[in-house]
């Protein structure tokens, strides 16, 4: 049995331009197989619209906000999942609420 610490166990501000009021914790990242990260959104937070390099599944764990995928926008709340296909522009944001999400990426596909 091998126990490891999370890759980035503390909440950090992601170093991406266009991300506002968002903090992240990378649980696990392997370029060949799987990426897991928690993102915590404050009020009026945003991950700017961009196409992703990988298929990504996003689960809203707490709170609520909004997501857009390929120009289609929808409310996004605790208990819901959204898939962002590779190469399709997507966005995630809050207005007057906060939100906690789990992002799962499959880089090797």
PDB file of N, CA and C in Angstrom:
ATOM      1  N   UNK A   1       0.845  -1.166   0.000  1.00  0.00           N
ATOM      2  CA  UNK A   1       0.000   0.000   0.000  1.00  0.00           C
ATOM      3  C   UNK A   1       0.891   1.230   0.000  1.00  0.00           C
ATOM      4  N   UNK A   2       0.503   2.209  -0.834  1.00  0.00           N
ATOM      5  CA  UNK A   2       1.246   3.461  -0.889  1.00  0.00           C
ATOM      6  C   UNK A   2       0.280   4.623  -0.692  1.00  0.00           C
ATOM      7  N   UNK A   3       0.509   5.417   0.339  1.00  0.00           N
ATOM      8  CA  UNK A   3      -0.301   6.601   0.588  1.00  0.00           C
ATOM      9  C   UNK A   3       0.495   7.830   0.175  1.00  0.00           C
ATOM     10  N   UNK A   4      -0.172   8.751  -0.533  1.00  0.00           N
ATOM     11  CA  UNK A   4       0.493   9.964  -0.996  1.00  0.00           C
ATOM     12  C   UNK A   4      -0.327  11.179  -0.592  1.00  0.00           C
ATOM     13  N   UNK A   5       0.338  12.297  -0.485  1.00  0.00           N
ATOM     14  CA  UNK A   5      -0.347  13.567  -0.260  1.00  0.00           C
ATOM     15  C   UNK A   5      -0.914  14.059  -1.593  1.00  0.00           C
ATOM     16  N   UNK A   6      -1.915  14.908  -1.524  1.00  0.00           N
ATOM     17  CA  UNK A   6      -2.431  15.545  -2.736  1.00  0.00           C
ATOM     18  C   UNK A   6      -1.309  16.315  -3.408  1.00  0.00           C
ATOM     19  N   UNK A   7      -1.404  16.477  -4.701  1.00  0.00           N
ATOM     20  CA  UNK A   7      -0.390  17.198  -5.454  1.00  0.00           C
ATOM     21  C   UNK A   7      -0.254  18.636  -4.941  1.00  0.00           C
ATOM     22  N   UNK A   8      -1.387  19.323  -4.769  1.00  0.00           N
ATOM     23  CA  UNK A   8      -1.403  20.683  -4.207  1.00  0.00           C
ATOM     24  C   UNK A   8      -2.482  20.715  -3.133  1.00  0.00           C
ATOM     25  N   UNK A   9      -2.130  20.394  -1.894  1.00  0.00           N
ATOM     26  CA  UNK A   9      -3.136  20.245  -0.842  1.00  0.00           C
ATOM     27  C   UNK A   9      -3.750  21.552  -0.337  1.00  0.00           C
ATOM     28  N   UNK A  10      -3.092  22.677  -0.571  1.00  0.00           N
ATOM     29  CA  UNK A  10      -3.611  23.956  -0.088  1.00  0.00           C
ATOM     30  C   UNK A  10      -4.398  24.657  -1.191  1.00  0.00           C
ATOM     31  N   UNK A  11      -5.366  25.478  -0.811  1.00  0.00           N
ATOM     32  CA  UNK A  11      -6.097  26.293  -1.783  1.00  0.00           C
ATOM     33  C   UNK A  11      -5.134  27.323  -2.359  1.00  0.00           C
ATOM     34  N   UNK A  12      -5.084  27.418  -3.690  1.00  0.00           N
ATOM     35  CA  UNK A  12      -4.204  28.353  -4.379  1.00  0.00           C
ATOM     36  C   UNK A  12      -4.980  29.076  -5.472  1.00  0.00           C
ATOM     37  N   UNK A  13      -4.534  30.269  -5.820  1.00  0.00           N
ATOM     38  CA  UNK A  13      -5.111  30.972  -6.959  1.00  0.00           C
ATOM     39  C   UNK A  13      -4.490  30.392  -8.223  1.00  0.00           C
ATOM     40  N   UNK A  14      -5.302  29.820  -9.124  1.00  0.00           N
ATOM     41  CA  UNK A  14      -4.724  29.262 -10.359  1.00  0.00           C
ATOM     42  C   UNK A  14      -4.052  30.361 -11.184  1.00  0.00           C
ATOM     43  N   UNK A  15      -2.947  30.035 -11.845  1.00  0.00           N
ATOM     44  CA  UNK A  15      -2.171  31.052 -12.562  1.00  0.00           C
ATOM     45  C   UNK A  15      -2.667  31.315 -13.982  1.00  0.00           C
ATOM     46  N   UNK A  16      -3.986  31.344 -14.172  1.00  0.00           N
ATOM     47  CA  UNK A  16      -4.533  31.503 -15.519  1.00  0.00           C
ATOM     48  C   UNK A  16      -5.149  32.878 -15.691  1.00  0.00           C
ATOM     49  N   UNK A  17      -4.790  33.530 -16.779  1.00  0.00           N
ATOM     50  CA  UNK A  17      -5.374  34.818 -17.104  1.00  0.00           C
ATOM     51  C   UNK A  17      -6.871  34.622 -17.368  1.00  0.00           C
ATOM     52  N   UNK A  18      -7.688  35.525 -16.871  1.00  0.00           N
ATOM     53  CA  UNK A  18      -9.125  35.423 -17.085  1.00  0.00           C
ATOM     54  C   UNK A  18      -9.863  34.648 -16.003  1.00  0.00           C
ATOM     55  N   UNK A  19      -9.138  34.118 -15.027  1.00  0.00           N
ATOM     56  CA  UNK A  19      -9.779  33.456 -13.886  1.00  0.00           C
ATOM     57  C   UNK A  19      -9.844  34.475 -12.755  1.00  0.00           C
ATOM     58  N   UNK A  20     -11.041  34.718 -12.238  1.00  0.00           N
ATOM     59  CA  UNK A  20     -11.238  35.747 -11.222  1.00  0.00           C
ATOM     60  C   UNK A  20     -11.941  35.148 -10.014  1.00  0.00           C
ATOM     61  N   UNK A  21     -11.400  35.380  -8.818  1.00  0.00           N
ATOM     62  CA  UNK A  21     -12.010  34.961  -7.556  1.00  0.00           C
ATOM     63  C   UNK A  21     -12.225  33.441  -7.479  1.00  0.00           C
ATOM     64  N   UNK A  22     -11.284  32.687  -8.049  1.00  0.00           N
ATOM     65  CA  UNK A  22     -11.338  31.218  -8.053  1.00  0.00           C
ATOM     66  C   UNK A  22     -10.088  30.696  -7.361  1.00  0.00           C
ATOM     67  N   UNK A  23     -10.259  29.694  -6.502  1.00  0.00           N
ATOM     68  CA  UNK A  23      -9.140  29.010  -5.864  1.00  0.00           C
ATOM     69  C   UNK A  23      -9.221  27.528  -6.209  1.00  0.00           C
ATOM     70  N   UNK A  24      -8.070  26.879  -6.289  1.00  0.00           N
ATOM     71  CA  UNK A  24      -8.052  25.476  -6.646  1.00  0.00           C
ATOM     72  C   UNK A  24      -7.154  24.641  -5.757  1.00  0.00           C
ATOM     73  N   UNK A  25      -7.433  23.348  -5.762  1.00  0.00           N
ATOM     74  CA  UNK A  25      -6.588  22.351  -5.095  1.00  0.00           C
ATOM     75  C   UNK A  25      -6.471  21.179  -6.065  1.00  0.00           C
ATOM     76  N   UNK A  26      -5.275  20.875  -6.502  1.00  0.00           N
ATOM     77  CA  UNK A  26      -5.075  19.745  -7.403  1.00  0.00           C
ATOM     78  C   UNK A  26      -4.896  18.500  -6.551  1.00  0.00           C
ATOM     79  N   UNK A  27      -5.802  17.565  -6.707  1.00  0.00           N
ATOM     80  CA  UNK A  27      -5.752  16.327  -5.943  1.00  0.00           C
ATOM     81  C   UNK A  27      -4.772  15.351  -6.587  1.00  0.00           C
ATOM     82  N   UNK A  28      -4.892  15.221  -7.915  1.00  0.00           N
ATOM     83  CA  UNK A  28      -4.047  14.269  -8.644  1.00  0.00           C
ATOM     84  C   UNK A  28      -3.949  14.726 -10.089  1.00  0.00           C
ATOM     85  N   UNK A  29      -2.759  14.613 -10.683  1.00  0.00           N
ATOM     86  CA  UNK A  29      -2.622  14.920 -12.101  1.00  0.00           C
ATOM     87  C   UNK A  29      -1.560  14.020 -12.699  1.00  0.00           C
ATOM     88  N   UNK A  30      -1.961  13.279 -13.717  1.00  0.00           N
ATOM     89  CA  UNK A  30      -1.052  12.436 -14.479  1.00  0.00           C
ATOM     90  C   UNK A  30      -1.359  12.691 -15.948  1.00  0.00           C
ATOM     91  N   UNK A  31      -0.383  13.173 -16.697  1.00  0.00           N
ATOM     92  CA  UNK A  31      -0.563  13.536 -18.114  1.00  0.00           C
ATOM     93  C   UNK A  31      -1.090  12.387 -18.966  1.00  0.00           C
ATOM     94  N   UNK A  32      -0.896  11.176 -18.525  1.00  0.00           N
ATOM     95  CA  UNK A  32      -1.298  10.014 -19.316  1.00  0.00           C
ATOM     96  C   UNK A  32      -2.686   9.481 -18.990  1.00  0.00           C
ATOM     97  N   UNK A  33      -3.205   9.786 -17.790  1.00  0.00           N
ATOM     98  CA  UNK A  33      -4.419   9.069 -17.410  1.00  0.00           C
ATOM     99  C   UNK A  33      -5.540   9.898 -16.799  1.00  0.00           C
ATOM    100  N   UNK A  34      -5.234  10.757 -15.819  1.00  0.00           N
ATOM    101  CA  UNK A  34      -6.313  11.353 -15.046  1.00  0.00           C
ATOM    102  C   UNK A  34      -5.870  12.625 -14.347  1.00  0.00           C
ATOM    103  N   UNK A  35      -6.763  13.600 -14.313  1.00  0.00           N
ATOM    104  CA  UNK A  35      -6.560  14.814 -13.531  1.00  0.00           C
ATOM    105  C   UNK A  35      -7.766  15.053 -12.648  1.00  0.00           C
ATOM    106  N   UNK A  36      -7.537  15.357 -11.365  1.00  0.00           N
ATOM    107  CA  UNK A  36      -8.608  15.657 -10.411  1.00  0.00           C
ATOM    108  C   UNK A  36      -8.290  16.964  -9.712  1.00  0.00           C
ATOM    109  N   UNK A  37      -9.246  17.880  -9.690  1.00  0.00           N
ATOM    110  CA  UNK A  37      -9.025  19.158  -9.003  1.00  0.00           C
ATOM    111  C   UNK A  37     -10.329  19.679  -8.427  1.00  0.00           C
ATOM    112  N   UNK A  38     -10.227  20.350  -7.307  1.00  0.00           N
ATOM    113  CA  UNK A  38     -11.349  21.068  -6.716  1.00  0.00           C
ATOM    114  C   UNK A  38     -11.197  22.529  -7.074  1.00  0.00           C
ATOM    115  N   UNK A  39     -12.288  23.182  -7.457  1.00  0.00           N
ATOM    116  CA  UNK A  39     -12.286  24.617  -7.695  1.00  0.00           C
ATOM    117  C   UNK A  39     -13.334  25.246  -6.800  1.00  0.00           C
ATOM    118  N   UNK A  40     -12.930  26.294  -6.096  1.00  0.00           N
ATOM    119  CA  UNK A  40     -13.820  27.006  -5.187  1.00  0.00           C
ATOM    120  C   UNK A  40     -14.047  28.420  -5.751  1.00  0.00           C
ATOM    121  N   UNK A  41     -15.310  28.739  -5.994  1.00  0.00           N
ATOM    122  CA  UNK A  41     -15.697  30.012  -6.590  1.00  0.00           C
ATOM    123  C   UNK A  41     -16.313  30.923  -5.533  1.00  0.00           C
ATOM    124  N   UNK A  42     -15.782  32.133  -5.416  1.00  0.00           N
ATOM    125  CA  UNK A  42     -16.414  33.141  -4.586  1.00  0.00           C
ATOM    126  C   UNK A  42     -17.557  33.780  -5.364  1.00  0.00           C
ATOM    127  N   UNK A  43     -18.185  34.791  -4.782  1.00  0.00           N
ATOM    128  CA  UNK A  43     -19.215  35.526  -5.509  1.00  0.00           C
ATOM    129  C   UNK A  43     -18.570  36.274  -6.683  1.00  0.00           C
ATOM    130  N   UNK A  44     -19.267  36.313  -7.805  1.00  0.00           N
ATOM    131  CA  UNK A  44     -18.799  36.987  -9.019  1.00  0.00           C
ATOM    132  C   UNK A  44     -17.430  36.456  -9.462  1.00  0.00           C
ATOM    133  N   UNK A  45     -17.289  35.156  -9.415  1.00  0.00           N
ATOM    134  CA  UNK A  45     -16.058  34.483  -9.844  1.00  0.00           C
ATOM    135  C   UNK A  45     -16.243  33.961 -11.262  1.00  0.00           C
ATOM    136  N   UNK A  46     -15.138  33.760 -11.961  1.00  0.00           N
ATOM    137  CA  UNK A  46     -15.254  33.230 -13.317  1.00  0.00           C
ATOM    138  C   UNK A  46     -14.009  32.474 -13.756  1.00  0.00           C
ATOM    139  N   UNK A  47     -14.255  31.450 -14.533  1.00  0.00           N
ATOM    140  CA  UNK A  47     -13.249  30.795 -15.359  1.00  0.00           C
ATOM    141  C   UNK A  47     -13.635  31.225 -16.771  1.00  0.00           C
ATOM    142  N   UNK A  48     -12.785  31.998 -17.424  1.00  0.00           N
ATOM    143  CA  UNK A  48     -13.137  32.568 -18.716  1.00  0.00           C
ATOM    144  C   UNK A  48     -13.414  31.492 -19.762  1.00  0.00           C
ATOM    145  N   UNK A  49     -14.116  31.893 -20.813  1.00  0.00           N
ATOM    146  CA  UNK A  49     -14.437  30.951 -21.887  1.00  0.00           C
ATOM    147  C   UNK A  49     -13.163  30.565 -22.639  1.00  0.00           C
ATOM    148  N   UNK A  50     -12.976  29.269 -22.807  1.00  0.00           N
ATOM    149  CA  UNK A  50     -11.810  28.746 -23.523  1.00  0.00           C
ATOM    150  C   UNK A  50     -12.083  27.308 -23.942  1.00  0.00           C
ATOM    151  N   UNK A  51     -11.459  26.852 -25.022  1.00  0.00           N
ATOM    152  CA  UNK A  51     -11.564  25.437 -25.377  1.00  0.00           C
ATOM    153  C   UNK A  51     -10.578  24.642 -24.537  1.00  0.00           C
ATOM    154  N   UNK A  52     -10.976  23.483 -24.070  1.00  0.00           N
ATOM    155  CA  UNK A  52     -10.096  22.659 -23.259  1.00  0.00           C
ATOM    156  C   UNK A  52      -9.291  21.687 -24.090  1.00  0.00           C
ATOM    157  N   UNK A  53      -8.154  21.292 -23.552  1.00  0.00           N
ATOM    158  CA  UNK A  53      -7.279  20.334 -24.228  1.00  0.00           C
ATOM    159  C   UNK A  53      -7.733  18.894 -24.022  1.00  0.00           C
ATOM    160  N   UNK A  54      -8.646  18.690 -23.034  1.00  0.00           N
ATOM    161  CA  UNK A  54      -9.098  17.337 -22.693  1.00  0.00           C
ATOM    162  C   UNK A  54     -10.602  17.327 -22.486  1.00  0.00           C
ATOM    163  N   UNK A  55     -11.220  16.155 -22.643  1.00  0.00           N
ATOM    164  CA  UNK A  55     -12.598  15.990 -22.198  1.00  0.00           C
ATOM    165  C   UNK A  55     -12.597  16.168 -20.689  1.00  0.00           C
ATOM    166  N   UNK A  56     -13.577  16.924 -20.178  1.00  0.00           N
ATOM    167  CA  UNK A  56     -13.623  17.219 -18.746  1.00  0.00           C
ATOM    168  C   UNK A  56     -15.036  17.030 -18.221  1.00  0.00           C
ATOM    169  N   UNK A  57     -15.144  16.362 -17.096  1.00  0.00           N
ATOM    170  CA  UNK A  57     -16.418  16.213 -16.381  1.00  0.00           C
ATOM    171  C   UNK A  57     -16.340  17.127 -15.168  1.00  0.00           C
ATOM    172  N   UNK A  58     -17.347  17.973 -14.978  1.00  0.00           N
ATOM    173  CA  UNK A  58     -17.379  18.891 -13.843  1.00  0.00           C
ATOM    174  C   UNK A  58     -18.604  18.563 -12.995  1.00  0.00           C
ATOM    175  N   UNK A  59     -18.397  18.345 -11.706  1.00  0.00           N
ATOM    176  CA  UNK A  59     -19.480  18.073 -10.758  1.00  0.00           C
ATOM    177  C   UNK A  59     -19.590  19.260  -9.814  1.00  0.00           C
ATOM    178  N   UNK A  60     -20.798  19.807  -9.673  1.00  0.00           N
ATOM    179  CA  UNK A  60     -21.023  20.864  -8.691  1.00  0.00           C
ATOM    180  C   UNK A  60     -21.310  20.182  -7.354  1.00  0.00           C
ATOM    181  N   UNK A  61     -20.432  20.382  -6.379  1.00  0.00           N
ATOM    182  CA  UNK A  61     -20.556  19.739  -5.078  1.00  0.00           C
ATOM    183  C   UNK A  61     -21.358  20.571  -4.086  1.00  0.00           C
ATOM    184  N   UNK A  62     -21.200  21.887  -4.153  1.00  0.00           N
ATOM    185  CA  UNK A  62     -21.896  22.801  -3.240  1.00  0.00           C
ATOM    186  C   UNK A  62     -22.186  24.103  -3.965  1.00  0.00           C
ATOM    187  N   UNK A  63     -23.278  24.750  -3.583  1.00  0.00           N
ATOM    188  CA  UNK A  63     -23.600  26.065  -4.110  1.00  0.00           C
ATOM    189  C   UNK A  63     -24.163  26.009  -5.514  1.00  0.00           C
ATOM    190  N   UNK A  64     -24.015  27.127  -6.230  1.00  0.00           N
ATOM    191  CA  UNK A  64     -24.562  27.206  -7.586  1.00  0.00           C
ATOM    192  C   UNK A  64     -23.883  28.316  -8.367  1.00  0.00           C
ATOM    193  N   UNK A  65     -24.030  28.214  -9.662  1.00  0.00           N
ATOM    194  CA  UNK A  65     -23.483  29.204 -10.585  1.00  0.00           C
ATOM    195  C   UNK A  65     -24.046  28.938 -11.959  1.00  0.00           C
ATOM    196  N   UNK A  66     -23.185  29.096 -12.969  1.00  0.00           N
ATOM    197  CA  UNK A  66     -23.598  28.920 -14.351  1.00  0.00           C
ATOM    198  C   UNK A  66     -22.471  28.260 -15.129  1.00  0.00           C
ATOM    199  N   UNK A  67     -22.851  27.584 -16.213  1.00  0.00           N
ATOM    200  CA  UNK A  67     -21.861  27.027 -17.123  1.00  0.00           C
ATOM    201  C   UNK A  67     -22.317  27.294 -18.552  1.00  0.00           C
ATOM    202  N   UNK A  68     -21.362  27.354 -19.452  1.00  0.00           N
ATOM    203  CA  UNK A  68     -21.691  27.416 -20.870  1.00  0.00           C
ATOM    204  C   UNK A  68     -20.784  26.423 -21.586  1.00  0.00           C
ATOM    205  N   UNK A  69     -21.353  25.815 -22.616  1.00  0.00           N
ATOM    206  CA  UNK A  69     -20.626  24.842 -23.431  1.00  0.00           C
ATOM    207  C   UNK A  69     -21.036  25.085 -24.880  1.00  0.00           C
ATOM    208  N   UNK A  70     -20.081  25.428 -25.720  1.00  0.00           N
ATOM    209  CA  UNK A  70     -20.373  25.639 -27.129  1.00  0.00           C
ATOM    210  C   UNK A  70     -21.427  26.707 -27.376  1.00  0.00           C
ATOM    211  N   UNK A  71     -21.464  27.741 -26.526  1.00  0.00           N
ATOM    212  CA  UNK A  71     -22.407  28.839 -26.702  1.00  0.00           C
ATOM    213  C   UNK A  71     -23.745  28.655 -26.014  1.00  0.00           C
ATOM    214  N   UNK A  72     -23.996  27.487 -25.452  1.00  0.00           N
ATOM    215  CA  UNK A  72     -25.249  27.226 -24.719  1.00  0.00           C
ATOM    216  C   UNK A  72     -24.995  27.431 -23.230  1.00  0.00           C
ATOM    217  N   UNK A  73     -25.832  28.243 -22.563  1.00  0.00           N
ATOM    218  CA  UNK A  73     -25.669  28.585 -21.154  1.00  0.00           C
ATOM    219  C   UNK A  73     -26.769  27.956 -20.318  1.00  0.00           C
ATOM    220  N   UNK A  74     -26.404  27.506 -19.092  1.00  0.00           N
ATOM    221  CA  UNK A  74     -27.390  26.914 -18.186  1.00  0.00           C
ATOM    222  C   UNK A  74     -26.994  27.172 -16.740  1.00  0.00           C
ATOM    223  N   UNK A  75     -27.991  27.265 -15.835  1.00  0.00           N
ATOM    224  CA  UNK A  75     -27.679  27.294 -14.406  1.00  0.00           C
ATOM    225  C   UNK A  75     -27.008  25.975 -14.023  1.00  0.00           C
ATOM    226  N   UNK A  76     -26.161  26.013 -13.007  1.00  0.00           N
ATOM    227  CA  UNK A  76     -25.392  24.838 -12.587  1.00  0.00           C
ATOM    228  C   UNK A  76     -25.414  24.811 -11.067  1.00  0.00           C
ATOM    229  N   UNK A  77     -25.923  23.743 -10.470  1.00  0.00           N
ATOM    230  CA  UNK A  77     -26.121  23.701  -9.017  1.00  0.00           C
ATOM    231  C   UNK A  77     -25.650  22.375  -8.426  1.00  0.00           C
ATOM    232  N   UNK A  78     -25.506  22.372  -7.093  1.00  0.00           N
ATOM    233  CA  UNK A  78     -25.073  21.176  -6.366  1.00  0.00           C
ATOM    234  C   UNK A  78     -25.891  19.969  -6.802  1.00  0.00           C
ATOM    235  N   UNK A  79     -25.184  18.879  -7.077  1.00  0.00           N
ATOM    236  CA  UNK A  79     -25.830  17.645  -7.515  1.00  0.00           C
ATOM    237  C   UNK A  79     -25.871  17.481  -9.022  1.00  0.00           C
ATOM    238  N   UNK A  80     -25.389  18.473  -9.777  1.00  0.00           N
ATOM    239  CA  UNK A  80     -25.410  18.383 -11.236  1.00  0.00           C
ATOM    240  C   UNK A  80     -24.008  18.157 -11.789  1.00  0.00           C
ATOM    241  N   UNK A  81     -23.969  17.542 -12.969  1.00  0.00           N
ATOM    242  CA  UNK A  81     -22.733  17.292 -13.714  1.00  0.00           C
ATOM    243  C   UNK A  81     -22.835  17.933 -15.087  1.00  0.00           C
ATOM    244  N   UNK A  82     -21.712  18.365 -15.628  1.00  0.00           N
ATOM    245  CA  UNK A  82     -21.654  18.840 -17.004  1.00  0.00           C
ATOM    246  C   UNK A  82     -20.388  18.280 -17.638  1.00  0.00           C
ATOM    247  N   UNK A  83     -20.468  17.967 -18.921  1.00  0.00           N
ATOM    248  CA  UNK A  83     -19.304  17.495 -19.668  1.00  0.00           C
ATOM    249  C   UNK A  83     -18.853  18.590 -20.625  1.00  0.00           C
ATOM    250  N   UNK A  84     -17.563  18.871 -20.606  1.00  0.00           N
ATOM    251  CA  UNK A  84     -16.971  19.811 -21.543  1.00  0.00           C
ATOM    252  C   UNK A  84     -16.132  18.994 -22.533  1.00  0.00           C
ATOM    253  N   UNK A  85     -16.595  18.839 -23.770  1.00  0.00           N
ATOM    254  CA  UNK A  85     -15.802  18.085 -24.746  1.00  0.00           C
ATOM    255  C   UNK A  85     -14.515  18.813 -25.126  1.00  0.00           C
ATOM    256  N   UNK A  86     -13.504  18.051 -25.404  1.00  0.00           N
ATOM    257  CA  UNK A  86     -12.204  18.571 -25.839  1.00  0.00           C
ATOM    258  C   UNK A  86     -12.401  19.509 -27.028  1.00  0.00           C
ATOM    259  N   UNK A  87     -11.766  20.680 -26.959  1.00  0.00           N
ATOM    260  CA  UNK A  87     -11.787  21.614 -28.078  1.00  0.00           C
ATOM    261  C   UNK A  87     -13.018  22.510 -28.181  1.00  0.00           C
ATOM    262  N   UNK A  88     -14.029  22.294 -27.345  1.00  0.00           N
ATOM    263  CA  UNK A  88     -15.255  23.096 -27.387  1.00  0.00           C
ATOM    264  C   UNK A  88     -15.162  24.197 -26.331  1.00  0.00           C
ATOM    265  N   UNK A  89     -15.383  25.462 -26.713  1.00  0.00           N
ATOM    266  CA  UNK A  89     -15.317  26.545 -25.721  1.00  0.00           C
ATOM    267  C   UNK A  89     -16.322  26.328 -24.588  1.00  0.00           C
ATOM    268  N   UNK A  90     -15.857  26.560 -23.371  1.00  0.00           N
ATOM    269  CA  UNK A  90     -16.701  26.396 -22.188  1.00  0.00           C
ATOM    270  C   UNK A  90     -16.331  27.455 -21.155  1.00  0.00           C
ATOM    271  N   UNK A  91     -17.230  27.640 -20.205  1.00  0.00           N
ATOM    272  CA  UNK A  91     -17.023  28.649 -19.155  1.00  0.00           C
ATOM    273  C   UNK A  91     -17.766  28.207 -17.906  1.00  0.00           C
ATOM    274  N   UNK A  92     -17.312  28.691 -16.741  1.00  0.00           N
ATOM    275  CA  UNK A  92     -17.948  28.392 -15.457  1.00  0.00           C
ATOM    276  C   UNK A  92     -17.862  29.660 -14.617  1.00  0.00           C
ATOM    277  N   UNK A  93     -18.995  30.082 -13.977  1.00  0.00           N
ATOM    278  CA  UNK A  93     -18.967  31.322 -13.201  1.00  0.00           C
ATOM    279  C   UNK A  93     -20.096  31.392 -12.186  1.00  0.00           C
ATOM    280  N   UNK A  94     -19.951  32.335 -11.268  1.00  0.00           N
ATOM    281  CA  UNK A  94     -20.994  32.622 -10.284  1.00  0.00           C
ATOM    282  C   UNK A  94     -21.368  34.094 -10.396  1.00  0.00           C
ATOM    283  N   UNK A  95     -22.520  34.412  -9.864  1.00  0.00           N
ATOM    284  CA  UNK A  95     -22.935  35.813  -9.786  1.00  0.00           C
ATOM    285  C   UNK A  95     -23.046  36.164  -8.304  1.00  0.00           C
ATOM    286  N   UNK A  96     -24.210  36.011  -7.664  1.00  0.00           N
ATOM    287  CA  UNK A  96     -24.356  36.352  -6.258  1.00  0.00           C
ATOM    288  C   UNK A  96     -24.226  35.169  -5.320  1.00  0.00           C
ATOM    289  N   UNK A  97     -23.619  34.088  -5.777  1.00  0.00           N
ATOM    290  CA  UNK A  97     -23.500  32.870  -4.967  1.00  0.00           C
ATOM    291  C   UNK A  97     -22.059  32.392  -4.956  1.00  0.00           C
ATOM    292  N   UNK A  98     -21.805  31.333  -4.192  1.00  0.00           N
ATOM    293  CA  UNK A  98     -20.508  30.661  -4.199  1.00  0.00           C
ATOM    294  C   UNK A  98     -20.720  29.243  -4.699  1.00  0.00           C
ATOM    295  N   UNK A  99     -19.631  28.566  -5.044  1.00  0.00           N
ATOM    296  CA  UNK A  99     -19.764  27.227  -5.616  1.00  0.00           C
ATOM    297  C   UNK A  99     -18.467  26.458  -5.404  1.00  0.00           C
ATOM    298  N   UNK A 100     -18.590  25.153  -5.196  1.00  0.00           N
ATOM    299  CA  UNK A 100     -17.449  24.242  -5.114  1.00  0.00           C
ATOM    300  C   UNK A 100     -17.645  23.170  -6.169  1.00  0.00           C
ATOM    301  N   UNK A 101     -16.621  22.947  -7.013  1.00  0.00           N
ATOM    302  CA  UNK A 101     -16.723  21.948  -8.074  1.00  0.00           C
ATOM    303  C   UNK A 101     -15.568  20.954  -8.005  1.00  0.00           C
ATOM    304  N   UNK A 102     -15.819  19.770  -8.552  1.00  0.00           N
ATOM    305  CA  UNK A 102     -14.787  18.758  -8.762  1.00  0.00           C
ATOM    306  C   UNK A 102     -14.633  18.613 -10.265  1.00  0.00           C
ATOM    307  N   UNK A 103     -13.401  18.757 -10.750  1.00  0.00           N
ATOM    308  CA  UNK A 103     -13.136  18.614 -12.178  1.00  0.00           C
ATOM    309  C   UNK A 103     -12.340  17.335 -12.395  1.00  0.00           C
ATOM    310  N   UNK A 104     -12.789  16.553 -13.384  1.00  0.00           N
ATOM    311  CA  UNK A 104     -12.136  15.289 -13.712  1.00  0.00           C
ATOM    312  C   UNK A 104     -11.753  15.359 -15.187  1.00  0.00           C
ATOM    313  N   UNK A 105     -10.460  15.293 -15.478  1.00  0.00           N
ATOM    314  CA  UNK A 105      -9.983  15.333 -16.851  1.00  0.00           C
ATOM    315  C   UNK A 105      -9.339  14.008 -17.218  1.00  0.00           C
ATOM    316  N   UNK A 106      -9.499  13.634 -18.498  1.00  0.00           N
ATOM    317  CA  UNK A 106      -8.886  12.408 -19.018  1.00  0.00           C
ATOM    318  C   UNK A 106      -7.880  12.776 -20.103  1.00  0.00           C
ATOM    319  N   UNK A 107      -6.668  13.208 -19.723  1.00  0.00           N
ATOM    320  CA  UNK A 107      -5.693  13.680 -20.708  1.00  0.00           C
ATOM    321  C   UNK A 107      -5.238  12.645 -21.732  1.00  0.00           C
ATOM    322  N   UNK A 108      -5.236  11.407 -21.395  1.00  0.00           N
ATOM    323  CA  UNK A 108      -4.711  10.377 -22.294  1.00  0.00           C
ATOM    324  C   UNK A 108      -5.669   9.973 -23.400  1.00  0.00           C
ATOM    325  N   UNK A 109      -6.873  10.517 -23.433  1.00  0.00           N
ATOM    326  CA  UNK A 109      -7.844  10.087 -24.453  1.00  0.00           C
ATOM    327  C   UNK A 109      -7.776  10.929 -25.686  1.00  0.00           C
TER     328      UNK A 109
END
